[in-house]
Amino acid sequence: MNIDWNMQPKVIEDRSFSLIAAEAGSHNWNKEEWTIIQRLVHTSADFDYVSDTIISPGAIEAGVAAIREGATIVTDTKMALCGINIARMNAYGNRLVCLISDERTQRRARETGTTRALAAVDLVCDLFFKSSGAGGLWVVGNAPTALFRLIEKMKNEPEWPKPLLVVGLPVGFVNASESKAALAQSDFNYITNRGRKGGSNVAASVINALAELANARD
């Protein structure tokens, strides 16, 4: 078998997107929405994202604006943090934050008897949004608890600045689909999906797609 395997990254990416477009077939996503969807499929090799992704009205515009304005980007895992294209974020001065392993998060979780995911949401709000009055861009790819806590906090504590965008794609069998359904019922700008599928890698891919759209406007 003669396989052309030694290709440049851009060639691989372009060929991948062509294959994705061909296999996906007809759909109702517009050009900017499709930029998000194809990244999800490209990252996961899962075409269910073509039909199961939910993008709220105004979510893409809000996400692009947040990136271009240098908003703080919060992730629930280091894996999601590592999956984001740092060079593109640096171009706009975005600060990337993940406190899941922070000693203060661990201490707060022990003292309150909660998970680190929940404690990290509270700590991020205290440290980065309490006095700024500006919301951030939240990326949840692993912990339904973090997504539920963010929704609860914004509902019960209206003094906190509302997130500019929530990318909610937690994966798993316990509360993953339920947390995403709750996000879809919120008044946030959001990008999520139906069901159990998700993950830190696909959540990060949404931010990379938004950064691509932001860059295209320069």
Protein backbone atom coordinates (compact mmCIF):
# COMPACT_ATOMS: atom_id res chain seq x y z
CA MET A 1 0.00 0.00 0.00
CA ASN A 2 1.42 3.36 -1.07
CA ILE A 3 0.47 5.96 1.55
CA ASP A 4 1.44 9.61 1.36
CA TRP A 5 2.05 10.09 5.06
CA ASN A 6 4.87 12.68 5.21
CA MET A 7 2.76 15.81 4.74
CA GLN A 8 2.97 19.35 6.05
CA PRO A 9 0.55 20.23 8.91
CA LYS A 10 -1.43 22.71 6.79
CA VAL A 11 -1.90 20.10 4.05
CA ILE A 12 -3.14 17.58 6.61
CA GLU A 13 -5.55 20.07 8.11
CA ASP A 14 -6.92 21.22 4.76
CA ARG A 15 -7.39 17.65 3.59
CA SER A 16 -9.09 16.77 6.87
CA PHE A 17 -11.54 19.64 6.54
CA SER A 18 -12.33 18.63 2.96
CA LEU A 19 -13.06 15.08 4.10
CA ILE A 20 -15.19 16.35 6.97
CA ALA A 21 -17.23 18.57 4.67
CA ALA A 22 -17.78 15.73 2.21
CA GLU A 23 -18.78 13.20 4.86
CA ALA A 24 -20.98 15.62 6.80
CA GLY A 25 -23.07 16.36 3.73
CA SER A 26 -25.80 18.97 3.84
CA HIS A 27 -26.43 20.91 7.04
CA ASN A 28 -27.96 24.18 8.21
CA TRP A 29 -24.92 25.74 9.86
CA ASN A 30 -23.77 29.11 8.53
CA LYS A 31 -20.11 29.78 7.68
CA GLU A 32 -19.01 30.92 11.14
CA GLU A 33 -21.00 28.21 12.91
CA TRP A 34 -19.44 25.62 10.61
CA THR A 35 -15.98 26.82 11.66
CA ILE A 36 -16.92 25.69 15.18
CA ILE A 37 -18.53 22.43 14.09
CA GLN A 38 -15.72 21.31 11.83
CA ARG A 39 -13.20 21.90 14.64
CA LEU A 40 -15.28 19.72 16.95
CA VAL A 41 -15.41 16.95 14.36
CA HIS A 42 -11.74 17.37 13.45
CA THR A 43 -10.72 17.02 17.11
CA SER A 44 -12.95 14.06 17.91
CA ALA A 45 -13.52 12.31 14.55
CA ASP A 46 -17.16 12.20 15.69
CA PHE A 47 -19.80 13.42 13.27
CA ASP A 48 -22.48 13.48 15.96
CA TYR A 49 -21.31 17.03 16.68
CA VAL A 50 -22.81 18.10 13.34
CA SER A 51 -26.30 17.34 14.62
CA ASP A 52 -25.93 17.53 18.41
CA THR A 53 -24.12 20.84 18.93
CA ILE A 54 -26.15 23.79 20.21
CA ILE A 55 -24.97 27.36 19.63
CA SER A 56 -27.07 30.04 21.27
CA PRO A 57 -27.96 33.18 19.29
CA GLY A 58 -25.11 35.66 19.63
CA ALA A 59 -22.70 33.13 21.15
CA ILE A 60 -20.13 33.28 18.38
CA GLU A 61 -20.18 37.06 18.24
CA ALA A 62 -19.80 37.19 22.02
CA GLY A 63 -16.92 34.72 21.99
CA VAL A 64 -15.06 36.48 19.20
CA ALA A 65 -15.52 39.84 20.93
CA ALA A 66 -14.33 38.39 24.25
CA ILE A 67 -11.14 37.10 22.66
CA ARG A 68 -10.47 40.30 20.75
CA GLU A 69 -11.01 42.36 23.90
CA GLY A 70 -8.52 40.30 25.91
CA ALA A 71 -11.03 38.65 28.24
CA THR A 72 -9.86 36.18 30.87
CA ILE A 73 -10.39 32.59 29.74
CA VAL A 74 -11.11 30.06 32.49
CA THR A 75 -10.82 26.29 32.01
CA ASP A 76 -11.88 23.49 34.33
CA THR A 77 -8.87 21.29 33.51
CA LYS A 78 -5.22 21.67 32.63
CA MET A 79 -5.87 19.51 29.58
CA ALA A 80 -8.31 22.09 28.22
CA LEU A 81 -5.82 24.83 29.03
CA CYS A 82 -3.06 23.00 27.15
CA GLY A 83 -5.33 22.46 24.15
CA ILE A 84 -5.84 26.18 23.56
CA ASN A 85 -3.59 27.87 21.01
CA ILE A 86 -1.62 30.12 23.34
CA ALA A 87 0.01 32.12 20.53
CA ARG A 88 -3.36 33.28 19.25
CA MET A 89 -4.50 34.19 22.73
CA ASN A 90 -1.31 36.14 23.39
CA ALA A 91 -1.99 38.22 20.31
CA TYR A 92 -5.04 39.66 22.08
CA GLY A 93 -3.67 39.67 25.61
CA ASN A 94 -6.02 37.00 26.94
CA ARG A 95 -5.14 35.59 30.35
CA LEU A 96 -5.69 31.83 30.64
CA VAL A 97 -6.63 30.53 34.08
CA CYS A 98 -7.03 27.03 35.49
CA LEU A 99 -7.13 26.66 39.28
CA ILE A 100 -8.14 23.01 39.56
CA SER A 101 -4.73 22.09 41.03
CA ASP A 102 -4.17 25.31 42.92
CA GLU A 103 -3.38 24.79 46.61
CA ARG A 104 -6.09 27.29 47.55
CA THR A 105 -8.64 25.28 45.57
CA GLN A 106 -7.62 22.08 47.29
CA ARG A 107 -7.80 23.71 50.72
CA ARG A 108 -11.23 25.21 50.02
CA ALA A 109 -12.53 21.86 48.78
CA ARG A 110 -11.33 20.13 51.97
CA GLU A 111 -12.75 22.81 54.24
CA THR A 112 -16.17 22.88 52.55
CA GLY A 113 -16.44 19.19 51.70
CA THR A 114 -16.95 19.92 48.02
CA THR A 115 -15.17 18.89 44.85
CA ARG A 116 -12.16 20.77 43.54
CA ALA A 117 -14.16 21.59 40.41
CA LEU A 118 -16.76 23.44 42.46
CA ALA A 119 -14.18 25.11 44.69
CA ALA A 120 -12.22 26.26 41.64
CA VAL A 121 -15.25 28.07 40.21
CA ASP A 122 -15.70 29.99 43.46
CA LEU A 123 -12.00 30.78 43.73
CA VAL A 124 -11.79 32.02 40.14
CA CYS A 125 -14.73 34.34 40.75
CA ASP A 126 -13.15 35.65 43.95
CA LEU A 127 -9.73 36.25 42.43
CA PHE A 128 -10.49 37.43 38.91
CA PHE A 129 -14.04 38.76 38.68
CA LYS A 130 -15.04 40.03 42.13
CA SER A 131 -13.67 43.54 41.70
CA SER A 132 -13.24 43.80 37.94
CA GLY A 133 -16.92 43.89 37.04
CA ALA A 134 -16.07 42.04 33.83
CA GLY A 135 -17.20 38.54 32.96
CA GLY A 136 -14.89 35.93 31.53
CA LEU A 137 -14.98 33.23 28.89
CA TRP A 138 -15.56 29.89 30.66
CA VAL A 139 -14.50 26.55 29.18
CA VAL A 140 -15.84 23.37 30.82
CA GLY A 141 -14.86 20.08 29.19
CA ASN A 142 -14.69 17.66 32.06
CA ALA A 143 -16.60 18.55 35.22
CA PRO A 144 -20.40 18.82 35.19
CA THR A 145 -20.07 20.04 38.79
CA ALA A 146 -18.20 23.12 37.58
CA LEU A 147 -20.88 23.88 35.01
CA PHE A 148 -23.72 23.41 37.49
CA ARG A 149 -21.91 25.58 40.07
CA LEU A 150 -21.34 28.38 37.57
CA ILE A 151 -25.01 28.36 36.59
CA GLU A 152 -26.08 28.28 40.26
CA LYS A 153 -23.70 31.06 41.27
CA MET A 154 -24.85 33.43 38.55
CA LYS A 155 -28.49 32.73 39.41
CA ASN A 156 -28.23 33.09 43.19
CA GLU A 157 -25.53 35.75 43.40
CA PRO A 158 -26.48 38.38 40.81
CA GLU A 159 -23.70 40.70 41.95
CA TRP A 160 -21.21 38.54 40.04
CA PRO A 161 -20.48 39.62 36.46
CA LYS A 162 -22.18 37.36 33.94
CA PRO A 163 -19.90 35.18 31.79
CA LEU A 164 -19.33 36.56 28.31
CA LEU A 165 -19.57 33.04 26.91
CA VAL A 166 -19.73 29.54 28.37
CA VAL A 167 -18.36 26.65 26.35
CA GLY A 168 -19.96 23.74 28.17
CA LEU A 169 -18.93 20.34 26.85
CA PRO A 170 -18.36 18.11 29.90
CA VAL A 171 -18.04 14.41 29.14
CA GLY A 172 -19.27 11.50 31.20
CA PHE A 173 -22.09 9.38 32.54
CA VAL A 174 -23.04 11.24 35.72
CA ASN A 175 -24.68 14.64 35.21
CA ALA A 176 -22.83 15.47 31.97
CA SER A 177 -25.90 15.60 29.74
CA GLU A 178 -27.95 17.13 32.56
CA SER A 179 -25.50 19.97 33.11
CA LYS A 180 -25.50 20.78 29.41
CA ALA A 181 -29.29 20.76 29.34
CA ALA A 182 -29.23 23.21 32.26
CA LEU A 183 -26.81 25.43 30.37
CA ALA A 184 -29.12 25.41 27.35
CA GLN A 185 -31.91 26.67 29.62
CA SER A 186 -29.78 29.50 31.03
CA ASP A 187 -29.60 33.09 29.84
CA PHE A 188 -25.87 32.82 29.07
CA ASN A 189 -24.27 32.96 25.68
CA TYR A 190 -23.27 29.31 25.27
CA ILE A 191 -21.91 26.60 23.01
CA THR A 192 -22.75 23.07 24.12
CA ASN A 193 -24.09 19.75 22.87
CA ARG A 194 -26.68 17.14 23.71
CA GLY A 195 -25.76 13.94 25.46
CA ARG A 196 -22.76 12.44 27.21
CA LYS A 197 -20.06 13.25 24.67
CA GLY A 198 -17.59 16.06 25.17
CA GLY A 199 -14.19 16.48 26.75
CA SER A 200 -11.41 18.92 27.43
CA ASN A 201 -10.00 18.51 23.93
CA VAL A 202 -13.22 19.38 22.14
CA ALA A 203 -13.94 22.26 24.53
CA ALA A 204 -10.50 23.69 23.74
CA SER A 205 -11.15 23.26 20.01
CA VAL A 206 -14.11 25.63 20.26
CA ILE A 207 -11.85 28.35 21.66
CA ASN A 208 -9.36 27.74 18.88
CA ALA A 209 -12.13 28.06 16.32
CA LEU A 210 -13.30 31.32 17.89
CA ALA A 211 -9.71 32.60 17.83
CA GLU A 212 -9.56 31.69 14.15
CA LEU A 213 -12.69 33.77 13.54
CA ALA A 214 -11.24 36.61 15.62
CA ASN A 215 -8.05 36.54 13.60
CA ALA A 216 -10.01 36.62 10.35
CA ARG A 217 -11.44 40.00 11.37
CA ASP A 218 -8.02 41.64 11.77
